[in-house]
Amino acid sequence: MYRNTLAFFFCVLVHLQVLGQVATKKIKNQTNVYKETFYVLASNDTIKQGFYEKHIGRGLAEKGNYTSNIRTGVWDFFDFNGNIDLKYDYSRKVIVETTRSRQEDTVKYLIDTENGWTLTQVKRPAIVLQSPKEFGMIMQQNIRFPLEARNNGISGTVLVRFTIDENGKTSDYKVKKGIGYGCDQEAWRVIKMATESAQWLPAVYQDVPVKSEYVMPCVYKIQ
């Protein structure tokens, strides 16, 4: 009886699966903000292998598959309402479906062309391979309301601009519009941290990836 109990406990704890010839085990990570469920190699629990999903708050944020720690196949990214707002195929490096770039034909973006920076329409603006819920979580966990701004009753929106080059690398972070009292520096810090760690697809102009400018807001509001 004792031996059977130990065997059962071991099976539940390890939860081994065999995917082809690869043995994996199920891992669950949970905090008060998010919950991850994924599989790793049984021989090395630092290498993700197989299905992955992440919940933020009460809803699903993203799901897909890993092969040797590399995202493969189609991944789904969800918005705050639980709807899929992006499907991306990591194996083929193509957007399968998205609601993010359904803009009016008149919307123009600042891009770097052979004639210099030009405000024009693009085939597709730069897009981040991340759930809006993920970005929101990072901002919420890391942003600090400067004491000087709080003591002076300051509220408002800081706009931070940065560029995304042809390879999806971010750089050149600057405050485009500030409200002072320490809010500008804090918005710059947190937006830089949140965006440069994410994977970006560059803007596309005339079927060619181009460097573009992206503007992101950070709202300060005294509750």
Protein backbone atom coordinates (compact mmCIF):
# COMPACT_ATOMS: atom_id res chain seq x y z
CA MET A 1 0.00 0.00 0.00
CA TYR A 2 2.82 2.38 0.94
CA ARG A 3 4.69 1.58 -2.26
CA ASN A 4 1.58 2.16 -4.39
CA THR A 5 0.97 5.51 -2.70
CA LEU A 6 4.53 6.63 -3.45
CA ALA A 7 4.21 5.54 -7.07
CA PHE A 8 0.95 7.46 -7.49
CA PHE A 9 2.44 10.60 -5.88
CA PHE A 10 5.47 10.41 -8.17
CA CYS A 11 3.28 10.14 -11.28
CA VAL A 12 1.14 13.11 -10.26
CA LEU A 13 4.17 15.24 -9.39
CA VAL A 14 6.17 14.58 -12.52
CA HIS A 15 3.29 14.07 -14.97
CA LEU A 16 5.52 12.63 -17.66
CA GLN A 17 4.40 12.66 -21.25
CA VAL A 18 6.08 11.22 -24.29
CA LEU A 19 5.95 13.39 -27.39
CA GLY A 20 7.49 11.20 -30.08
CA GLN A 21 10.75 10.22 -28.43
CA VAL A 22 10.90 13.25 -26.13
CA ALA A 23 9.84 12.86 -22.49
CA THR A 24 8.40 16.01 -20.90
CA LYS A 25 6.91 17.07 -17.61
CA LYS A 26 4.19 19.59 -16.83
CA ILE A 27 5.02 22.79 -14.98
CA LYS A 28 2.66 25.29 -13.36
CA ASN A 29 3.79 28.73 -12.24
CA GLN A 30 1.34 31.01 -10.50
CA THR A 31 1.46 34.42 -8.83
CA ASN A 32 -1.31 36.75 -7.72
CA VAL A 33 -1.24 38.28 -11.23
CA TYR A 34 -0.65 35.49 -13.75
CA LYS A 35 -0.64 31.72 -14.19
CA GLU A 36 1.53 29.74 -16.62
CA THR A 37 1.08 26.12 -17.66
CA PHE A 38 3.66 24.53 -19.91
CA TYR A 39 5.85 21.50 -20.54
CA VAL A 40 9.62 21.15 -20.24
CA LEU A 41 12.05 18.39 -21.04
CA ALA A 42 12.10 15.76 -18.33
CA SER A 43 15.89 15.80 -18.55
CA ASN A 44 16.22 19.60 -18.41
CA ASP A 45 13.48 21.74 -16.86
CA THR A 46 14.94 24.96 -18.33
CA ILE A 47 13.91 23.93 -21.87
CA LYS A 48 10.26 24.38 -22.81
CA GLN A 49 8.91 21.64 -25.04
CA GLY A 50 5.28 21.40 -26.13
CA PHE A 51 2.13 23.28 -25.19
CA TYR A 52 2.23 26.61 -23.34
CA GLU A 53 -0.49 28.95 -22.09
CA LYS A 54 -0.55 32.01 -19.89
CA HIS A 55 -3.49 33.52 -18.01
CA ILE A 56 -3.40 37.08 -16.72
CA GLY A 57 -6.09 37.97 -14.24
CA ARG A 58 -9.10 35.81 -15.07
CA GLY A 59 -8.50 35.47 -18.79
CA LEU A 60 -6.18 33.81 -21.27
CA ALA A 61 -3.37 36.05 -22.59
CA GLU A 62 -1.48 33.76 -24.99
CA LYS A 63 -1.07 30.15 -25.99
CA GLY A 64 1.03 28.12 -28.40
CA ASN A 65 3.83 25.57 -28.61
CA TYR A 66 7.55 25.44 -27.95
CA THR A 67 10.19 23.25 -29.54
CA SER A 68 13.49 23.30 -27.63
CA ASN A 69 12.67 26.70 -26.09
CA ILE A 70 11.73 28.19 -29.49
CA ARG A 71 8.19 29.26 -30.27
CA THR A 72 6.85 27.27 -33.21
CA GLY A 73 3.62 27.05 -35.18
CA VAL A 74 0.64 29.35 -34.65
CA TRP A 75 0.34 31.30 -31.41
CA ASP A 76 -2.82 33.08 -30.25
CA PHE A 77 -2.70 36.40 -28.40
CA PHE A 78 -5.83 37.65 -26.60
CA ASP A 79 -7.13 41.13 -25.81
CA PHE A 80 -8.71 42.37 -22.57
CA ASN A 81 -12.12 41.03 -23.62
CA GLY A 82 -10.83 37.51 -24.18
CA ASN A 83 -10.92 37.77 -27.98
CA ILE A 84 -8.04 36.76 -30.21
CA ASP A 85 -6.47 39.95 -31.54
CA LEU A 86 -3.44 38.31 -33.15
CA LYS A 87 -2.53 34.93 -34.60
CA TYR A 88 1.12 34.62 -35.57
CA ASP A 89 2.88 31.65 -37.19
CA TYR A 90 6.41 31.57 -35.78
CA SER A 91 7.46 28.75 -38.10
CA ARG A 92 6.49 30.60 -41.28
CA LYS A 93 7.05 34.07 -39.77
CA VAL A 94 3.70 35.39 -40.98
CA ILE A 95 0.64 37.01 -39.40
CA VAL A 96 -2.27 34.62 -39.81
CA GLU A 97 -4.93 36.96 -38.47
CA THR A 98 -5.09 40.22 -36.56
CA THR A 99 -7.52 42.94 -35.54
CA ARG A 100 -4.77 45.38 -34.59
CA SER A 101 -4.01 46.89 -37.99
CA ARG A 102 -7.58 47.44 -39.14
CA GLN A 103 -7.04 51.16 -39.53
CA GLU A 104 -8.66 53.67 -41.84
CA ASP A 105 -6.92 54.15 -45.19
CA THR A 106 -6.15 57.75 -44.23
CA VAL A 107 -3.99 56.84 -41.20
CA LYS A 108 -0.35 57.78 -41.79
CA TYR A 109 2.83 56.69 -40.01
CA LEU A 110 6.25 58.27 -39.73
CA ILE A 111 8.74 55.99 -41.52
CA ASP A 112 12.38 56.27 -42.59
CA THR A 113 12.68 56.16 -46.39
CA GLU A 114 15.48 56.92 -48.85
CA ASN A 115 14.14 60.49 -48.85
CA GLY A 116 14.33 60.75 -45.06
CA TRP A 117 11.57 60.56 -42.46
CA THR A 118 8.20 60.68 -44.21
CA LEU A 119 4.64 60.70 -42.90
CA THR A 120 2.75 58.30 -45.15
CA GLN A 121 0.41 55.33 -45.35
CA VAL A 122 1.93 51.89 -44.87
CA LYS A 123 0.90 48.38 -45.79
CA ARG A 124 1.23 47.40 -42.13
CA PRO A 125 2.36 49.37 -39.07
CA ALA A 126 4.87 47.93 -36.63
CA ILE A 127 3.24 45.30 -34.45
CA VAL A 128 4.32 43.67 -31.18
CA LEU A 129 4.07 39.92 -30.72
CA GLN A 130 2.54 40.20 -27.28
CA SER A 131 -0.88 40.24 -25.70
CA PRO A 132 -2.14 43.70 -24.68
CA LYS A 133 -2.77 42.10 -21.29
CA GLU A 134 0.93 41.22 -20.99
CA PHE A 135 2.01 44.78 -21.67
CA GLY A 136 -0.61 46.09 -19.26
CA MET A 137 0.64 43.73 -16.54
CA ILE A 138 4.26 44.84 -17.01
CA MET A 139 3.29 48.52 -16.85
CA GLN A 140 1.06 48.04 -13.82
CA GLN A 141 3.67 46.08 -11.87
CA ASN A 142 6.54 48.47 -12.56
CA ILE A 143 5.15 52.01 -12.89
CA ARG A 144 5.56 54.33 -9.93
CA PHE A 145 3.59 57.54 -9.37
CA PRO A 146 6.30 60.11 -8.51
CA LEU A 147 5.85 61.58 -5.05
CA GLU A 148 6.35 65.13 -6.34
CA ALA A 149 3.50 64.67 -8.83
CA ARG A 150 1.24 63.08 -6.24
CA ASN A 151 1.87 65.85 -3.71
CA ASN A 152 1.02 68.47 -6.34
CA GLY A 153 -2.11 66.70 -7.60
CA ILE A 154 -0.67 66.20 -11.09
CA SER A 155 -2.57 64.02 -13.57
CA GLY A 156 -2.16 63.66 -17.31
CA THR A 157 -0.66 61.67 -20.15
CA VAL A 158 3.00 61.34 -21.07
CA LEU A 159 3.79 60.35 -24.66
CA VAL A 160 7.00 58.44 -25.30
CA ARG A 161 8.24 57.94 -28.86
CA PHE A 162 10.72 55.33 -30.02
CA THR A 163 11.78 53.74 -33.28
CA ILE A 164 11.48 50.17 -34.51
CA ASP A 165 13.99 49.30 -37.22
CA GLU A 166 13.74 46.93 -40.17
CA ASN A 167 14.68 43.98 -37.93
CA GLY A 168 12.18 44.79 -35.19
CA LYS A 169 14.74 46.28 -32.79
CA THR A 170 13.63 49.25 -30.67
CA SER A 171 15.80 52.30 -29.92
CA ASP A 172 15.94 56.11 -29.63
CA TYR A 173 13.44 56.51 -26.79
CA LYS A 174 12.39 60.12 -26.16
CA VAL A 175 9.58 61.94 -24.35
CA LYS A 176 7.36 63.46 -27.04
CA LYS A 177 4.97 65.15 -24.63
CA GLY A 178 5.47 65.48 -20.90
CA ILE A 179 3.71 66.74 -17.79
CA GLY A 180 6.75 67.17 -15.54
CA TYR A 181 7.06 66.47 -11.79
CA GLY A 182 9.07 63.28 -12.41
CA CYS A 183 6.34 61.66 -14.52
CA ASP A 184 8.21 62.02 -17.81
CA GLN A 185 11.32 60.16 -16.63
CA GLU A 186 9.25 57.40 -15.04
CA ALA A 187 7.11 56.90 -18.14
CA TRP A 188 10.25 56.78 -20.29
CA ARG A 189 11.83 54.18 -18.00
CA VAL A 190 8.88 51.81 -17.81
CA ILE A 191 7.84 52.04 -21.46
CA LYS A 192 11.43 51.39 -22.53
CA MET A 193 11.66 48.38 -20.22
CA ALA A 194 8.30 46.97 -21.39
CA THR A 195 8.82 47.44 -25.13
CA GLU A 196 12.48 46.59 -25.67
CA SER A 197 12.03 43.18 -24.05
CA ALA A 198 9.18 42.32 -26.45
CA GLN A 199 9.43 40.95 -29.99
CA TRP A 200 8.37 43.37 -32.71
CA LEU A 201 7.53 43.03 -36.38
CA PRO A 202 8.64 46.10 -38.37
CA ALA A 203 6.34 48.32 -40.38
CA VAL A 204 5.95 47.35 -44.04
CA TYR A 205 5.96 49.96 -46.80
CA GLN A 206 5.65 48.95 -50.46
CA ASP A 207 6.21 45.32 -49.40
CA VAL A 208 9.53 46.19 -47.72
CA PRO A 209 10.25 46.28 -43.95
CA VAL A 210 11.07 49.85 -42.88
CA LYS A 211 12.14 51.75 -39.80
CA SER A 212 9.21 53.55 -38.19
CA GLU A 213 8.29 55.71 -35.24
CA TYR A 214 5.94 54.43 -32.54
CA VAL A 215 4.28 56.63 -29.91
CA MET A 216 3.03 55.14 -26.65
CA PRO A 217 1.03 56.85 -23.88
CA CYS A 218 1.45 56.53 -20.13
CA VAL A 219 -1.51 57.86 -18.15
CA TYR A 220 -1.17 59.23 -14.63
CA LYS A 221 -4.40 59.60 -12.71
CA ILE A 222 -4.84 60.28 -9.02
CA GLN A 223 -7.46 57.99 -7.55
